[in-house]
PDB file of N, CA and C in Angstrom:
ATOM      1  N   MET A   1      36.719  44.131 -38.569  1.00  0.00           N
ATOM      2  CA  MET A   1      36.712  44.944 -37.398  1.00  0.00           C
ATOM      3  C   MET A   1      36.904  44.006 -36.159  1.00  0.00           C
ATOM      4  N   ASP A   2      37.758  44.391 -35.218  1.00  0.00           N
ATOM      5  CA  ASP A   2      37.908  43.645 -33.978  1.00  0.00           C
ATOM      6  C   ASP A   2      37.246  44.337 -32.862  1.00  0.00           C
ATOM      7  N   LEU A   3      37.260  43.708 -31.658  1.00  0.00           N
ATOM      8  CA  LEU A   3      36.536  44.243 -30.482  1.00  0.00           C
ATOM      9  C   LEU A   3      37.124  45.581 -30.048  1.00  0.00           C
ATOM     10  N   GLU A   4      38.382  45.824 -30.188  1.00  0.00           N
ATOM     11  CA  GLU A   4      39.007  47.028 -29.763  1.00  0.00           C
ATOM     12  C   GLU A   4      38.499  48.304 -30.612  1.00  0.00           C
ATOM     13  N   GLU A   5      38.290  48.014 -31.904  1.00  0.00           N
ATOM     14  CA  GLU A   5      37.696  49.029 -32.771  1.00  0.00           C
ATOM     15  C   GLU A   5      36.218  49.293 -32.400  1.00  0.00           C
ATOM     16  N   LEU A   6      35.504  48.249 -32.102  1.00  0.00           N
ATOM     17  CA  LEU A   6      34.076  48.324 -31.720  1.00  0.00           C
ATOM     18  C   LEU A   6      33.942  49.095 -30.414  1.00  0.00           C
ATOM     19  N   ARG A   7      34.839  48.860 -29.494  1.00  0.00           N
ATOM     20  CA  ARG A   7      34.721  49.544 -28.180  1.00  0.00           C
ATOM     21  C   ARG A   7      34.923  51.057 -28.201  1.00  0.00           C
ATOM     22  N   LYS A   8      35.503  51.534 -29.331  1.00  0.00           N
ATOM     23  CA  LYS A   8      35.694  53.001 -29.454  1.00  0.00           C
ATOM     24  C   LYS A   8      34.465  53.721 -30.009  1.00  0.00           C
ATOM     25  N   LYS A   9      33.471  52.944 -30.389  1.00  0.00           N
ATOM     26  CA  LYS A   9      32.277  53.520 -31.061  1.00  0.00           C
ATOM     27  C   LYS A   9      31.200  53.825 -30.053  1.00  0.00           C
ATOM     28  N   ASP A  10      30.511  54.941 -30.214  1.00  0.00           N
ATOM     29  CA  ASP A  10      29.366  55.294 -29.446  1.00  0.00           C
ATOM     30  C   ASP A  10      28.121  54.570 -30.011  1.00  0.00           C
ATOM     31  N   VAL A  11      27.282  54.054 -29.102  1.00  0.00           N
ATOM     32  CA  VAL A  11      26.032  53.391 -29.474  1.00  0.00           C
ATOM     33  C   VAL A  11      24.858  54.445 -29.392  1.00  0.00           C
ATOM     34  N   ILE A  12      24.249  54.672 -30.559  1.00  0.00           N
ATOM     35  CA  ILE A  12      23.196  55.674 -30.648  1.00  0.00           C
ATOM     36  C   ILE A  12      21.851  55.031 -30.920  1.00  0.00           C
ATOM     37  N   GLN A  13      20.825  55.479 -30.185  1.00  0.00           N
ATOM     38  CA  GLN A  13      19.490  55.031 -30.414  1.00  0.00           C
ATOM     39  C   GLN A  13      18.939  55.778 -31.602  1.00  0.00           C
ATOM     40  N   ALA A  14      18.528  55.020 -32.673  1.00  0.00           N
ATOM     41  CA  ALA A  14      18.228  55.637 -33.964  1.00  0.00           C
ATOM     42  C   ALA A  14      17.054  56.586 -33.963  1.00  0.00           C
ATOM     43  N   VAL A  15      16.025  56.247 -33.172  1.00  0.00           N
ATOM     44  CA  VAL A  15      14.776  57.024 -33.235  1.00  0.00           C
ATOM     45  C   VAL A  15      14.927  58.350 -32.389  1.00  0.00           C
ATOM     46  N   SER A  16      15.461  58.226 -31.219  1.00  0.00           N
ATOM     47  CA  SER A  16      15.584  59.445 -30.363  1.00  0.00           C
ATOM     48  C   SER A  16      16.914  60.211 -30.491  1.00  0.00           C
ATOM     49  N   GLY A  17      17.927  59.489 -30.976  1.00  0.00           N
ATOM     50  CA  GLY A  17      19.268  60.090 -31.092  1.00  0.00           C
ATOM     51  C   GLY A  17      20.035  60.095 -29.810  1.00  0.00           C
ATOM     52  N   ASP A  18      19.557  59.407 -28.771  1.00  0.00           N
ATOM     53  CA  ASP A  18      20.241  59.301 -27.515  1.00  0.00           C
ATOM     54  C   ASP A  18      21.576  58.523 -27.620  1.00  0.00           C
ATOM     55  N   ASN A  19      22.595  59.011 -26.978  1.00  0.00           N
ATOM     56  CA  ASN A  19      23.833  58.277 -26.878  1.00  0.00           C
ATOM     57  C   ASN A  19      23.703  57.371 -25.662  1.00  0.00           C
ATOM     58  N   LEU A  20      23.674  55.996 -25.934  1.00  0.00           N
ATOM     59  CA  LEU A  20      23.604  55.055 -24.902  1.00  0.00           C
ATOM     60  C   LEU A  20      24.918  54.732 -24.204  1.00  0.00           C
ATOM     61  N   GLY A  21      25.988  55.122 -24.749  1.00  0.00           N
ATOM     62  CA  GLY A  21      27.296  54.837 -24.255  1.00  0.00           C
ATOM     63  C   GLY A  21      28.159  54.197 -25.299  1.00  0.00           C
ATOM     64  N   GLN A  22      29.246  53.542 -24.857  1.00  0.00           N
ATOM     65  CA  GLN A  22      30.113  52.875 -25.779  1.00  0.00           C
ATOM     66  C   GLN A  22      30.035  51.390 -25.599  1.00  0.00           C
ATOM     67  N   ALA A  23      30.202  50.663 -26.697  1.00  0.00           N
ATOM     68  CA  ALA A  23      30.181  49.243 -26.580  1.00  0.00           C
ATOM     69  C   ALA A  23      31.359  48.699 -25.734  1.00  0.00           C
ATOM     70  N   ASP A  24      31.010  47.796 -24.810  1.00  0.00           N
ATOM     71  CA  ASP A  24      32.047  47.289 -23.935  1.00  0.00           C
ATOM     72  C   ASP A  24      32.403  45.846 -24.176  1.00  0.00           C
ATOM     73  N   ASP A  25      31.400  45.031 -24.635  1.00  0.00           N
ATOM     74  CA  ASP A  25      31.663  43.667 -24.800  1.00  0.00           C
ATOM     75  C   ASP A  25      30.629  43.049 -25.722  1.00  0.00           C
ATOM     76  N   LEU A  26      30.839  41.758 -26.144  1.00  0.00           N
ATOM     77  CA  LEU A  26      29.959  41.079 -26.975  1.00  0.00           C
ATOM     78  C   LEU A  26      29.498  39.806 -26.195  1.00  0.00           C
ATOM     79  N   GLN A  27      28.294  39.374 -26.408  1.00  0.00           N
ATOM     80  CA  GLN A  27      27.803  38.187 -25.806  1.00  0.00           C
ATOM     81  C   GLN A  27      27.604  37.079 -26.912  1.00  0.00           C
ATOM     82  N   PHE A  28      28.215  35.927 -26.782  1.00  0.00           N
ATOM     83  CA  PHE A  28      28.192  34.891 -27.749  1.00  0.00           C
ATOM     84  C   PHE A  28      27.376  33.732 -27.344  1.00  0.00           C
ATOM     85  N   ASP A  29      26.793  32.996 -28.307  1.00  0.00           N
ATOM     86  CA  ASP A  29      26.185  31.694 -28.022  1.00  0.00           C
ATOM     87  C   ASP A  29      27.287  30.637 -28.050  1.00  0.00           C
ATOM     88  N   ALA A  30      27.411  29.920 -26.973  1.00  0.00           N
ATOM     89  CA  ALA A  30      28.509  29.000 -26.847  1.00  0.00           C
ATOM     90  C   ALA A  30      28.408  27.799 -27.821  1.00  0.00           C
ATOM     91  N   VAL A  31      27.211  27.444 -28.287  1.00  0.00           N
ATOM     92  CA  VAL A  31      27.077  26.294 -29.165  1.00  0.00           C
ATOM     93  C   VAL A  31      27.336  26.652 -30.619  1.00  0.00           C
ATOM     94  N   SER A  32      26.721  27.724 -31.059  1.00  0.00           N
ATOM     95  CA  SER A  32      26.913  28.123 -32.498  1.00  0.00           C
ATOM     96  C   SER A  32      28.053  29.075 -32.737  1.00  0.00           C
ATOM     97  N   GLY A  33      28.474  29.781 -31.693  1.00  0.00           N
ATOM     98  CA  GLY A  33      29.565  30.775 -31.866  1.00  0.00           C
ATOM     99  C   GLY A  33      29.108  32.082 -32.408  1.00  0.00           C
ATOM    100  N   SER A  34      27.794  32.264 -32.525  1.00  0.00           N
ATOM    101  CA  SER A  34      27.289  33.535 -33.151  1.00  0.00           C
ATOM    102  C   SER A  34      27.126  34.644 -32.050  1.00  0.00           C
ATOM    103  N   VAL A  35      27.172  35.855 -32.497  1.00  0.00           N
ATOM    104  CA  VAL A  35      26.998  36.995 -31.591  1.00  0.00           C
ATOM    105  C   VAL A  35      25.543  37.114 -31.235  1.00  0.00           C
ATOM    106  N   GLN A  36      25.257  37.144 -29.936  1.00  0.00           N
ATOM    107  CA  GLN A  36      23.887  37.238 -29.442  1.00  0.00           C
ATOM    108  C   GLN A  36      23.497  38.723 -29.076  1.00  0.00           C
ATOM    109  N   ALA A  37      24.446  39.439 -28.447  1.00  0.00           N
ATOM    110  CA  ALA A  37      24.133  40.803 -27.987  1.00  0.00           C
ATOM    111  C   ALA A  37      25.371  41.640 -27.852  1.00  0.00           C
ATOM    112  N   LEU A  38      25.168  42.919 -27.854  1.00  0.00           N
ATOM    113  CA  LEU A  38      26.198  43.931 -27.627  1.00  0.00           C
ATOM    114  C   LEU A  38      25.963  44.350 -26.153  1.00  0.00           C
ATOM    115  N   VAL A  39      27.037  44.394 -25.417  1.00  0.00           N
ATOM    116  CA  VAL A  39      26.914  44.727 -23.964  1.00  0.00           C
ATOM    117  C   VAL A  39      27.464  46.105 -23.685  1.00  0.00           C
ATOM    118  N   LEU A  40      26.710  46.959 -23.007  1.00  0.00           N
ATOM    119  CA  LEU A  40      27.150  48.241 -22.486  1.00  0.00           C
ATOM    120  C   LEU A  40      27.168  48.136 -21.018  1.00  0.00           C
ATOM    121  N   HIS A  41      28.331  48.227 -20.361  1.00  0.00           N
ATOM    122  CA  HIS A  41      28.331  48.225 -18.886  1.00  0.00           C
ATOM    123  C   HIS A  41      27.695  49.398 -18.294  1.00  0.00           C
ATOM    124  N   GLY A  42      27.068  49.199 -17.116  1.00  0.00           N
ATOM    125  CA  GLY A  42      26.441  50.343 -16.403  1.00  0.00           C
ATOM    126  C   GLY A  42      27.445  51.218 -15.850  1.00  0.00           C
ATOM    127  N   ARG A  43      27.074  52.497 -15.630  1.00  0.00           N
ATOM    128  CA  ARG A  43      27.992  53.471 -15.045  1.00  0.00           C
ATOM    129  C   ARG A  43      28.215  53.228 -13.650  1.00  0.00           C
ATOM    130  N   PRO A  44      29.488  53.493 -13.124  1.00  0.00           N
ATOM    131  CA  PRO A  44      29.737  53.366 -11.734  1.00  0.00           C
ATOM    132  C   PRO A  44      28.888  54.391 -10.897  1.00  0.00           C
ATOM    133  N   ARG A  45      28.538  53.877  -9.713  1.00  0.00           N
ATOM    134  CA  ARG A  45      27.777  54.775  -8.765  1.00  0.00           C
ATOM    135  C   ARG A  45      28.754  55.305  -7.733  1.00  0.00           C
ATOM    136  N   PHE A  46      28.774  56.578  -7.569  1.00  0.00           N
ATOM    137  CA  PHE A  46      29.629  57.207  -6.518  1.00  0.00           C
ATOM    138  C   PHE A  46      31.091  56.687  -6.687  1.00  0.00           C
ATOM    139  N   PHE A  47      31.669  56.913  -7.841  1.00  0.00           N
ATOM    140  CA  PHE A  47      33.068  56.486  -8.137  1.00  0.00           C
ATOM    141  C   PHE A  47      33.317  54.987  -8.020  1.00  0.00           C
ATOM    142  N   GLY A  48      32.292  54.229  -8.143  1.00  0.00           N
ATOM    143  CA  GLY A  48      32.435  52.757  -8.111  1.00  0.00           C
ATOM    144  C   GLY A  48      32.289  52.167  -6.687  1.00  0.00           C
ATOM    145  N   LEU A  49      32.229  53.010  -5.682  1.00  0.00           N
ATOM    146  CA  LEU A  49      32.107  52.521  -4.298  1.00  0.00           C
ATOM    147  C   LEU A  49      30.737  51.854  -4.048  1.00  0.00           C
ATOM    148  N   LEU A  50      29.712  52.307  -4.760  1.00  0.00           N
ATOM    149  CA  LEU A  50      28.345  51.726  -4.520  1.00  0.00           C
ATOM    150  C   LEU A  50      27.931  50.793  -5.648  1.00  0.00           C
ATOM    151  N   GLY A  51      28.948  50.251  -6.321  1.00  0.00           N
ATOM    152  CA  GLY A  51      28.629  49.331  -7.452  1.00  0.00           C
ATOM    153  C   GLY A  51      28.445  50.041  -8.714  1.00  0.00           C
ATOM    154  N   ARG A  52      27.662  49.384  -9.572  1.00  0.00           N
ATOM    155  CA  ARG A  52      27.368  49.866 -10.933  1.00  0.00           C
ATOM    156  C   ARG A  52      25.888  49.860 -11.233  1.00  0.00           C
ATOM    157  N   GLU A  53      25.469  50.629 -12.193  1.00  0.00           N
ATOM    158  CA  GLU A  53      24.144  50.580 -12.706  1.00  0.00           C
ATOM    159  C   GLU A  53      24.059  49.279 -13.502  1.00  0.00           C
ATOM    160  N   PRO A  54      22.855  48.818 -13.744  1.00  0.00           N
ATOM    161  CA  PRO A  54      22.686  47.539 -14.568  1.00  0.00           C
ATOM    162  C   PRO A  54      23.241  47.673 -15.957  1.00  0.00           C
ATOM    163  N   ASP A  55      23.801  46.584 -16.466  1.00  0.00           N
ATOM    164  CA  ASP A  55      24.310  46.541 -17.839  1.00  0.00           C
ATOM    165  C   ASP A  55      23.156  46.594 -18.798  1.00  0.00           C
ATOM    166  N   LEU A  56      23.394  47.113 -19.991  1.00  0.00           N
ATOM    167  CA  LEU A  56      22.419  47.149 -21.058  1.00  0.00           C
ATOM    168  C   LEU A  56      22.861  46.170 -22.143  1.00  0.00           C
ATOM    169  N   LEU A  57      21.975  45.171 -22.386  1.00  0.00           N
ATOM    170  CA  LEU A  57      22.194  44.173 -23.385  1.00  0.00           C
ATOM    171  C   LEU A  57      21.373  44.557 -24.614  1.00  0.00           C
ATOM    172  N   ILE A  58      21.945  44.760 -25.743  1.00  0.00           N
ATOM    173  CA  ILE A  58      21.275  45.085 -26.947  1.00  0.00           C
ATOM    174  C   ILE A  58      21.332  43.841 -27.871  1.00  0.00           C
ATOM    175  N   PRO A  59      20.174  43.236 -28.108  1.00  0.00           N
ATOM    176  CA  PRO A  59      20.154  42.061 -29.005  1.00  0.00           C
ATOM    177  C   PRO A  59      20.760  42.378 -30.360  1.00  0.00           C
ATOM    178  N   TRP A  60      21.499  41.420 -30.886  1.00  0.00           N
ATOM    179  CA  TRP A  60      22.183  41.705 -32.172  1.00  0.00           C
ATOM    180  C   TRP A  60      21.244  41.976 -33.311  1.00  0.00           C
ATOM    181  N   GLN A  61      20.048  41.449 -33.213  1.00  0.00           N
ATOM    182  CA  GLN A  61      18.978  41.727 -34.241  1.00  0.00           C
ATOM    183  C   GLN A  61      18.575  43.210 -34.267  1.00  0.00           C
ATOM    184  N   GLN A  62      18.763  43.960 -33.189  1.00  0.00           N
ATOM    185  CA  GLN A  62      18.351  45.354 -33.111  1.00  0.00           C
ATOM    186  C   GLN A  62      19.527  46.314 -33.470  1.00  0.00           C
ATOM    187  N   ILE A  63      20.677  45.737 -33.882  1.00  0.00           N
ATOM    188  CA  ILE A  63      21.721  46.614 -34.336  1.00  0.00           C
ATOM    189  C   ILE A  63      21.460  46.807 -35.842  1.00  0.00           C
ATOM    190  N   LYS A  64      21.198  48.093 -36.196  1.00  0.00           N
ATOM    191  CA  LYS A  64      20.896  48.401 -37.623  1.00  0.00           C
ATOM    192  C   LYS A  64      22.087  48.552 -38.475  1.00  0.00           C
ATOM    193  N   CYS A  65      23.114  49.255 -38.019  1.00  0.00           N
ATOM    194  CA  CYS A  65      24.314  49.388 -38.826  1.00  0.00           C
ATOM    195  C   CYS A  65      25.454  49.794 -37.926  1.00  0.00           C
ATOM    196  N   ILE A  66      26.697  49.504 -38.372  1.00  0.00           N
ATOM    197  CA  ILE A  66      27.864  49.839 -37.691  1.00  0.00           C
ATOM    198  C   ILE A  66      28.703  50.700 -38.649  1.00  0.00           C
ATOM    199  N   GLY A  67      28.880  51.995 -38.267  1.00  0.00           N
ATOM    200  CA  GLY A  67      29.578  52.921 -39.127  1.00  0.00           C
ATOM    201  C   GLY A  67      31.010  53.092 -38.681  1.00  0.00           C
ATOM    202  N   THR A  68      31.682  54.186 -39.211  1.00  0.00           N
ATOM    203  CA  THR A  68      33.040  54.418 -38.821  1.00  0.00           C
ATOM    204  C   THR A  68      33.106  54.991 -37.407  1.00  0.00           C
ATOM    205  N   ASP A  69      32.045  55.727 -36.944  1.00  0.00           N
ATOM    206  CA  ASP A  69      32.191  56.346 -35.695  1.00  0.00           C
ATOM    207  C   ASP A  69      31.060  55.829 -34.662  1.00  0.00           C
ATOM    208  N   VAL A  70      29.987  55.368 -35.142  1.00  0.00           N
ATOM    209  CA  VAL A  70      28.891  55.008 -34.288  1.00  0.00           C
ATOM    210  C   VAL A  70      28.251  53.677 -34.671  1.00  0.00           C
ATOM    211  N   VAL A  71      27.526  53.101 -33.684  1.00  0.00           N
ATOM    212  CA  VAL A  71      26.663  51.923 -33.877  1.00  0.00           C
ATOM    213  C   VAL A  71      25.227  52.410 -33.728  1.00  0.00           C
ATOM    214  N   MET A  72      24.427  52.110 -34.737  1.00  0.00           N
ATOM    215  CA  MET A  72      22.942  52.548 -34.664  1.00  0.00           C
ATOM    216  C   MET A  72      22.130  51.382 -34.245  1.00  0.00           C
ATOM    217  N   THR A  73      21.195  51.621 -33.296  1.00  0.00           N
ATOM    218  CA  THR A  73      20.352  50.559 -32.783  1.00  0.00           C
ATOM    219  C   THR A  73      18.914  51.058 -32.599  1.00  0.00           C
ATOM    220  N   THR A  74      17.945  50.134 -32.708  1.00  0.00           N
ATOM    221  CA  THR A  74      16.583  50.459 -32.422  1.00  0.00           C
ATOM    222  C   THR A  74      16.173  50.057 -30.981  1.00  0.00           C
ATOM    223  N   CYS A  75      17.132  49.645 -30.179  1.00  0.00           N
ATOM    224  CA  CYS A  75      16.843  49.194 -28.850  1.00  0.00           C
ATOM    225  C   CYS A  75      16.377  50.328 -27.944  1.00  0.00           C
ATOM    226  N   GLU A  76      15.283  50.165 -27.217  1.00  0.00           N
ATOM    227  CA  GLU A  76      14.798  51.156 -26.272  1.00  0.00           C
ATOM    228  C   GLU A  76      15.303  50.778 -24.851  1.00  0.00           C
ATOM    229  N   PRO A  77      16.193  51.524 -24.264  1.00  0.00           N
ATOM    230  CA  PRO A  77      16.728  51.153 -22.962  1.00  0.00           C
ATOM    231  C   PRO A  77      15.613  51.335 -21.906  1.00  0.00           C
ATOM    232  N   GLY A  78      15.654  50.549 -20.858  1.00  0.00           N
ATOM    233  CA  GLY A  78      14.687  50.635 -19.773  1.00  0.00           C
ATOM    234  C   GLY A  78      14.972  51.934 -18.925  1.00  0.00           C
ATOM    235  N   PRO A  79      14.050  52.240 -18.041  1.00  0.00           N
ATOM    236  CA  PRO A  79      14.190  53.387 -17.205  1.00  0.00           C
ATOM    237  C   PRO A  79      15.371  53.324 -16.218  1.00  0.00           C
ATOM    238  N   GLU A  80      15.891  52.170 -15.952  1.00  0.00           N
ATOM    239  CA  GLU A  80      16.991  52.033 -15.048  1.00  0.00           C
ATOM    240  C   GLU A  80      18.345  52.391 -15.702  1.00  0.00           C
ATOM    241  N   HIS A  81      18.347  52.488 -17.019  1.00  0.00           N
ATOM    242  CA  HIS A  81      19.545  52.778 -17.808  1.00  0.00           C
ATOM    243  C   HIS A  81      19.492  54.240 -18.240  1.00  0.00           C
ATOM    244  N   LYS A  82      20.378  55.086 -17.681  1.00  0.00           N
ATOM    245  CA  LYS A  82      20.418  56.498 -18.001  1.00  0.00           C
ATOM    246  C   LYS A  82      21.274  56.693 -19.240  1.00  0.00           C
ATOM    247  N   THR A  83      20.839  57.590 -20.127  1.00  0.00           N
ATOM    248  CA  THR A  83      21.665  57.825 -21.298  1.00  0.00           C
ATOM    249  C   THR A  83      22.878  58.687 -20.899  1.00  0.00           C
ATOM    250  N   ARG A  84      23.897  58.573 -21.696  1.00  0.00           N
ATOM    251  CA  ARG A  84      25.140  59.270 -21.319  1.00  0.00           C
ATOM    252  C   ARG A  84      25.384  60.411 -22.269  1.00  0.00           C
ATOM    253  N   ARG A  85      24.561  61.400 -22.123  1.00  0.00           N
ATOM    254  CA  ARG A  85      24.723  62.612 -22.940  1.00  0.00           C
ATOM    255  C   ARG A  85      25.777  63.558 -22.339  1.00  0.00           C
ATOM    256  N   LYS A  86      26.543  64.080 -23.236  1.00  0.00           N
ATOM    257  CA  LYS A  86      27.532  65.057 -22.789  1.00  0.00           C
ATOM    258  C   LYS A  86      26.861  66.419 -22.785  1.00  0.00           C
ATOM    259  N   ARG A  87      27.052  67.230 -21.771  1.00  0.00           N
ATOM    260  CA  ARG A  87      26.464  68.580 -21.696  1.00  0.00           C
ATOM    261  C   ARG A  87      27.275  69.486 -22.608  1.00  0.00           C
ATOM    262  N   ARG A  88      26.544  70.139 -23.480  1.00  0.00           N
ATOM    263  CA  ARG A  88      27.157  71.123 -24.356  1.00  0.00           C
ATOM    264  C   ARG A  88      26.804  72.526 -23.955  1.00  0.00           C
ATOM    265  N   ARG A  89      27.776  73.406 -24.035  1.00  0.00           N
ATOM    266  CA  ARG A  89      27.477  74.779 -23.735  1.00  0.00           C
ATOM    267  C   ARG A  89      26.774  75.510 -24.839  1.00  0.00           C
ATOM    268  N   GLY A  90      25.762  76.162 -24.507  1.00  0.00           N
ATOM    269  CA  GLY A  90      25.009  76.922 -25.534  1.00  0.00           C
ATOM    270  C   GLY A  90      25.234  78.420 -25.322  1.00  0.00           C
ATOM    271  N   LEU A  91      24.637  79.252 -26.105  1.00  0.00           N
ATOM    272  CA  LEU A  91      24.856  80.677 -25.966  1.00  0.00           C
ATOM    273  C   LEU A  91      24.307  81.214 -24.685  1.00  0.00           C
ATOM    274  N   THR A  92      23.201  80.607 -24.102  1.00  0.00           N
ATOM    275  CA  THR A  92      22.598  81.092 -22.830  1.00  0.00           C
ATOM    276  C   THR A  92      23.600  80.761 -21.676  1.00  0.00           C
ATOM    277  N   ASP A  93      24.519  79.809 -21.812  1.00  0.00           N
ATOM    278  CA  ASP A  93      25.404  79.516 -20.776  1.00  0.00           C
ATOM    279  C   ASP A  93      26.598  80.485 -20.726  1.00  0.00           C
ATOM    280  N   ILE A  94      26.907  81.079 -21.898  1.00  0.00           N
ATOM    281  CA  ILE A  94      28.025  81.946 -21.987  1.00  0.00           C
ATOM    282  C   ILE A  94      27.697  83.359 -21.497  1.00  0.00           C
ATOM    283  N   VAL A  95      26.442  83.825 -21.791  1.00  0.00           N
ATOM    284  CA  VAL A  95      26.030  85.156 -21.406  1.00  0.00           C
ATOM    285  C   VAL A  95      25.753  85.330 -19.950  1.00  0.00           C
TER     286      VAL A  95
END
């Protein structure tokens, strides 16, 4: 798998089921060349004019599995990182 394939996968918190976003980058150790963390860039504030929210670094040890569609992690994001849930229409929204 290359980075382009990884960037298309949603990162899901295994316990709560929250969608943390999509993988944006990897952090490497310069000496050993091993992967240290998965990086999820923060969402832009007011169309990017006010900067971005803080990035979320997920240590590689907290990545449980990488599937065909998602990356499962046990990482608990801090309160400054909002989950990226998509709003789904339910029956109460239609009526």
